Each structure stands twice: as C-alpha cells, then as structure tokens.
C-alpha cells in the first residue's frame, strides 16, 4: 500500500502535497468534498479521520496521520533528501520546527475569520490588520534568504508558500511585501509545486 493524501484544493493540505512531490515519494491523492465529507471515490471521510478536516495521510501500514505539521515532518523524514526536514540533531531542524509553529499558529490561524462567511466585518478587519503585522515580521525575519532555513527548500517552505497562496483569495495584495512576493513566485516555479497545484486544479497544465 502506498501513501494516500486526502486533500481539498488549495487548503492547508497543499503543503504536504508539495512536500510529497519534493520528497519524491510514491503516493496517491484523494480529493475530499468539504460539505458532504466524502472522497472522490465515495468513501465517508469521517471514517478516515473523525476530525473531519484535511490533511490526512494514510500510511503504508494502513494507519492515518493527521495535522499539517505532523504530516510535513513525517514526509520530510521519509525523504531521501535529508534537507527537506533538516537532519536530526542539528539546530536547523529546530529552526524548521520553529517556522512550522509560527506559520501554523500565527499565519494559518490568522486567516480563519477571512474564510468564515458568518464572521463580522469588524472581526475580518482585525484579522487583516493582524496578518499585515505578521507578514511584515515574516519578511523582516527572512531578510534576503531564498529559503526559510539554510540554503535548501524545507517542509516549512511548503507551508509558507501555501499560506501565501491564500492572499489571492481574500484580496490581500502580496506586493506590499516585495520579499514575500519574490519568494512566492520563486517557490511557485518549482516542479514539485507546479505538479501539486496542477493536480489540485489551482493552475492549468
């Protein structure tokens, strides 16, 4: 049994989808309908993960791993490319974990009100203001680096790229942060990223 990624187009599951492509691992994908909680092949997604949201990764032993950060770290560790999640024991590995934590709790969660139809305008405005400050911090922390950690693409880059994709859906002009816009463009040109986004229908073949 190969790995199977359960995803919704453009959701945070795009990050492990990119990581799987970058890792060169054999895997399948199954699209999940967020409303019906069914997969493209007719499965009840709640029987895959009772949390009811993506990503979920069915492992080769048949068990299921959930939560974006956990899946990213797992994929990185399964890859022959040791730089994808950074070598065990080195400080760079904890830098990757540090970025994953920040992206998850500060950037990813910061978008929640913007994707919630019932959220009040004032709540959405506060979310936009919060993201403004956090994107500014991210740009400053990156400096002129090509990647978040060291000199190679890591799973943290897959996650940050995914979050930056969302700016186009909520009307945030990424051009306000030139370094982030340049980074987004460069990461978006990687073959693994293009493959994942094409599969999810986010870009045309």
Protein backbone atom coordinates (compact mmCIF):
# COMPACT_ATOMS: atom_id res chain seq x y z
CA UNK A 1 0.00 0.00 0.00
CA UNK A 2 1.36 3.41 -0.96
CA UNK A 3 0.82 6.66 0.89
CA UNK A 4 -2.52 8.38 0.23
CA UNK A 5 -3.05 12.08 0.84
CA UNK A 6 -6.61 13.28 1.46
CA UNK A 7 -6.89 16.89 0.36
CA UNK A 8 -9.16 19.78 -0.52
CA UNK A 9 -7.97 22.05 -3.35
CA UNK A 10 -6.00 24.99 -2.02
CA UNK A 11 -6.49 24.08 1.65
CA UNK A 12 -3.56 23.63 4.00
CA UNK A 13 -3.28 20.08 2.63
CA UNK A 14 -1.49 21.71 -0.31
CA UNK A 15 1.59 21.97 1.92
CA UNK A 16 2.04 18.20 2.46
CA UNK A 17 1.05 17.67 -1.18
CA UNK A 18 4.00 19.84 -2.20
CA UNK A 19 6.25 18.13 0.34
CA UNK A 20 5.34 14.70 -1.04
CA UNK A 21 6.24 15.87 -4.53
CA UNK A 22 9.52 17.35 -3.31
CA UNK A 23 10.33 14.17 -1.38
CA UNK A 24 9.97 12.02 -4.45
CA UNK A 25 7.81 9.53 -2.57
CA UNK A 26 5.24 7.27 -4.20
CA UNK A 27 1.78 8.45 -3.20
CA UNK A 28 -1.83 8.74 -4.31
CA UNK A 29 -4.27 11.58 -3.71
CA UNK A 30 -7.96 11.61 -2.88
CA UNK A 31 -9.99 14.78 -3.05
CA UNK A 32 -12.40 15.43 -0.19
CA UNK A 33 -15.68 17.33 -0.51
CA UNK A 34 -15.81 19.65 2.47
CA UNK A 35 -19.61 19.79 2.61
CA UNK A 36 -20.54 16.14 2.15
CA UNK A 37 -17.38 14.79 3.84
CA UNK A 38 -17.00 12.23 1.09
CA UNK A 39 -13.95 11.42 -1.01
CA UNK A 40 -13.72 11.33 -4.78
CA UNK A 41 -14.04 7.53 -4.70
CA UNK A 42 -17.12 7.59 -2.46
CA UNK A 43 -15.60 6.99 0.97
CA UNK A 44 -17.02 8.56 4.10
CA UNK A 45 -14.14 10.84 5.05
CA UNK A 46 -15.22 10.83 8.68
CA UNK A 47 -14.30 7.16 8.75
CA UNK A 48 -10.82 8.14 7.59
CA UNK A 49 -10.47 10.98 10.09
CA UNK A 50 -13.18 11.77 12.58
CA UNK A 51 -11.76 15.29 12.85
CA UNK A 52 -13.47 15.93 9.53
CA UNK A 53 -10.83 18.17 8.02
CA UNK A 54 -7.78 17.77 5.82
CA UNK A 55 -4.97 16.96 5.54
CA UNK A 56 -4.94 13.28 6.38
CA UNK A 57 -2.28 10.88 5.22
CA UNK A 58 -2.89 7.15 5.09
CA UNK A 59 0.41 5.46 5.78
CA UNK A 60 1.70 2.28 4.20
CA UNK A 61 0.60 0.25 7.23
CA UNK A 62 -2.98 1.48 6.80
CA UNK A 63 -2.98 3.86 9.77
CA UNK A 64 -3.85 7.53 9.30
CA UNK A 65 -1.78 10.54 10.33
CA UNK A 66 -3.45 13.94 10.68
CA UNK A 67 -2.45 17.57 11.34
CA UNK A 68 -0.44 19.52 8.80
CA UNK A 69 2.73 19.94 10.87
CA UNK A 70 2.92 16.26 11.79
CA UNK A 71 2.42 15.16 8.19
CA UNK A 72 5.03 17.61 6.92
CA UNK A 73 7.60 16.35 9.39
CA UNK A 74 6.77 12.73 8.59
CA UNK A 75 7.12 13.29 4.85
CA UNK A 76 10.39 15.13 5.33
CA UNK A 77 11.79 12.29 7.39
CA UNK A 78 10.78 9.68 4.83
CA UNK A 79 12.51 11.51 2.02
CA UNK A 80 15.96 10.59 0.75
CA UNK A 81 16.58 14.35 0.79
CA UNK A 82 17.67 14.90 4.38
CA UNK A 83 17.42 18.67 3.97
CA UNK A 84 13.65 18.56 3.48
CA UNK A 85 13.05 18.47 7.24
CA UNK A 86 16.69 19.14 8.23
CA UNK A 87 19.00 16.49 9.76
CA UNK A 88 18.12 15.14 13.20
CA UNK A 89 20.12 16.72 16.00
CA UNK A 90 21.13 19.84 14.12
CA UNK A 91 19.94 23.31 15.09
CA UNK A 92 18.47 23.76 11.62
CA UNK A 93 15.90 21.05 12.38
CA UNK A 94 14.60 23.09 15.28
CA UNK A 95 14.56 26.19 13.08
CA UNK A 96 12.29 24.29 10.70
CA UNK A 97 10.07 23.35 13.65
CA UNK A 98 10.12 26.96 14.81
CA UNK A 99 8.89 28.18 11.44
CA UNK A 100 6.25 25.45 11.24
CA UNK A 101 4.92 26.54 14.61
CA UNK A 102 4.81 30.20 13.63
CA UNK A 103 3.17 29.57 10.27
CA UNK A 104 0.55 27.34 11.87
CA UNK A 105 -0.39 29.41 14.89
CA UNK A 106 0.15 32.96 13.62
CA UNK A 107 -0.32 32.97 9.84
CA UNK A 108 -2.57 29.97 9.11
CA UNK A 109 -4.95 30.61 12.01
CA UNK A 110 -4.91 34.31 11.22
CA UNK A 111 -6.82 33.62 8.01
CA UNK A 112 -9.67 31.81 9.77
CA UNK A 113 -12.09 34.78 10.03
CA UNK A 114 -11.50 35.62 6.38
CA UNK A 115 -12.70 32.16 5.33
CA UNK A 116 -15.71 32.21 7.67
CA UNK A 117 -18.84 33.62 5.97
CA UNK A 118 -20.52 34.29 9.32
CA UNK A 119 -17.60 36.37 10.64
CA UNK A 120 -18.49 40.01 11.28
CA UNK A 121 -16.79 42.73 9.23
CA UNK A 122 -15.03 44.03 12.33
CA UNK A 123 -13.58 40.57 13.01
CA UNK A 124 -12.37 40.29 9.44
CA UNK A 125 -10.77 43.73 9.66
CA UNK A 126 -8.91 42.73 12.82
CA UNK A 127 -7.73 39.60 11.05
CA UNK A 128 -6.41 41.65 8.12
CA UNK A 129 -4.60 44.01 10.47
CA UNK A 130 -3.08 41.08 12.33
CA UNK A 131 -1.88 39.43 9.14
CA UNK A 132 -0.41 42.74 7.99
CA UNK A 133 1.86 42.82 11.03
CA UNK A 134 2.73 39.13 10.81
CA UNK A 135 3.61 39.27 7.12
CA UNK A 136 5.80 42.29 7.84
CA UNK A 137 7.55 40.33 10.60
CA UNK A 138 7.97 37.32 8.31
CA UNK A 139 9.52 39.44 5.58
CA UNK A 140 11.91 41.05 8.04
CA UNK A 141 12.88 37.68 9.53
CA UNK A 142 13.60 36.22 6.09
CA UNK A 143 15.86 39.03 5.01
CA UNK A 144 17.28 38.22 1.58
CA UNK A 145 17.30 34.44 2.06
CA UNK A 146 15.95 32.26 -0.72
CA UNK A 147 14.51 29.75 1.77
CA UNK A 148 13.28 29.95 5.35
CA UNK A 149 16.05 27.79 6.80
CA UNK A 150 19.55 27.43 5.41
CA UNK A 151 20.26 27.07 1.72
CA UNK A 152 17.65 24.47 0.77
CA UNK A 153 13.90 24.03 0.43
CA UNK A 154 12.30 22.50 3.53
CA UNK A 155 8.80 21.49 4.55
CA UNK A 156 8.47 24.92 6.19
CA UNK A 157 8.73 26.49 2.74
CA UNK A 158 5.92 24.25 1.51
CA UNK A 159 3.72 25.53 4.34
CA UNK A 160 4.57 29.22 3.96
CA UNK A 161 4.01 29.06 0.21
CA UNK A 162 0.58 27.52 0.79
CA UNK A 163 -0.43 30.28 3.18
CA UNK A 164 0.79 32.93 0.75
CA UNK A 165 -1.41 31.38 -1.96
CA UNK A 166 -4.42 32.29 0.16
CA UNK A 167 -3.73 36.02 -0.08
CA UNK A 168 -5.13 36.00 -3.61
CA UNK A 169 -8.43 34.53 -2.39
CA UNK A 170 -9.04 37.13 0.31
CA UNK A 171 -7.91 40.26 -1.52
CA UNK A 172 -4.56 40.79 0.19
CA UNK A 173 -2.01 42.40 -2.13
CA UNK A 174 1.17 40.39 -1.61
CA UNK A 175 3.06 43.11 -3.47
CA UNK A 176 3.02 45.12 -0.25
CA UNK A 177 5.78 42.79 0.93
CA UNK A 178 8.20 42.60 -2.03
CA UNK A 179 10.43 39.94 -0.46
CA UNK A 180 7.45 37.66 0.17
CA UNK A 181 6.11 38.23 -3.33
CA UNK A 182 9.51 37.36 -4.84
CA UNK A 183 9.72 34.28 -2.61
CA UNK A 184 6.19 33.19 -3.55
CA UNK A 185 7.00 33.49 -7.26
CA UNK A 186 10.27 31.55 -6.94
CA UNK A 187 8.78 28.73 -4.88
CA UNK A 188 5.80 28.57 -7.21
CA UNK A 189 8.11 27.84 -10.12
CA UNK A 190 9.48 24.65 -8.57
CA UNK A 191 8.44 21.48 -10.47
CA UNK A 192 7.08 19.82 -7.33
CA UNK A 193 4.93 22.83 -6.53
CA UNK A 194 3.63 23.04 -10.08
CA UNK A 195 2.78 19.33 -10.03
CA UNK A 196 0.82 19.61 -6.76
CA UNK A 197 -1.06 22.72 -7.82
CA UNK A 198 -1.89 21.22 -11.21
CA UNK A 199 -3.30 18.07 -9.60
CA UNK A 200 -5.48 20.21 -7.32
CA UNK A 201 -6.73 22.29 -10.25
CA UNK A 202 -5.22 25.51 -8.92
CA UNK A 203 -3.26 26.09 -12.10
CA UNK A 204 -3.73 24.78 -15.62
CA UNK A 205 -1.37 22.10 -17.00
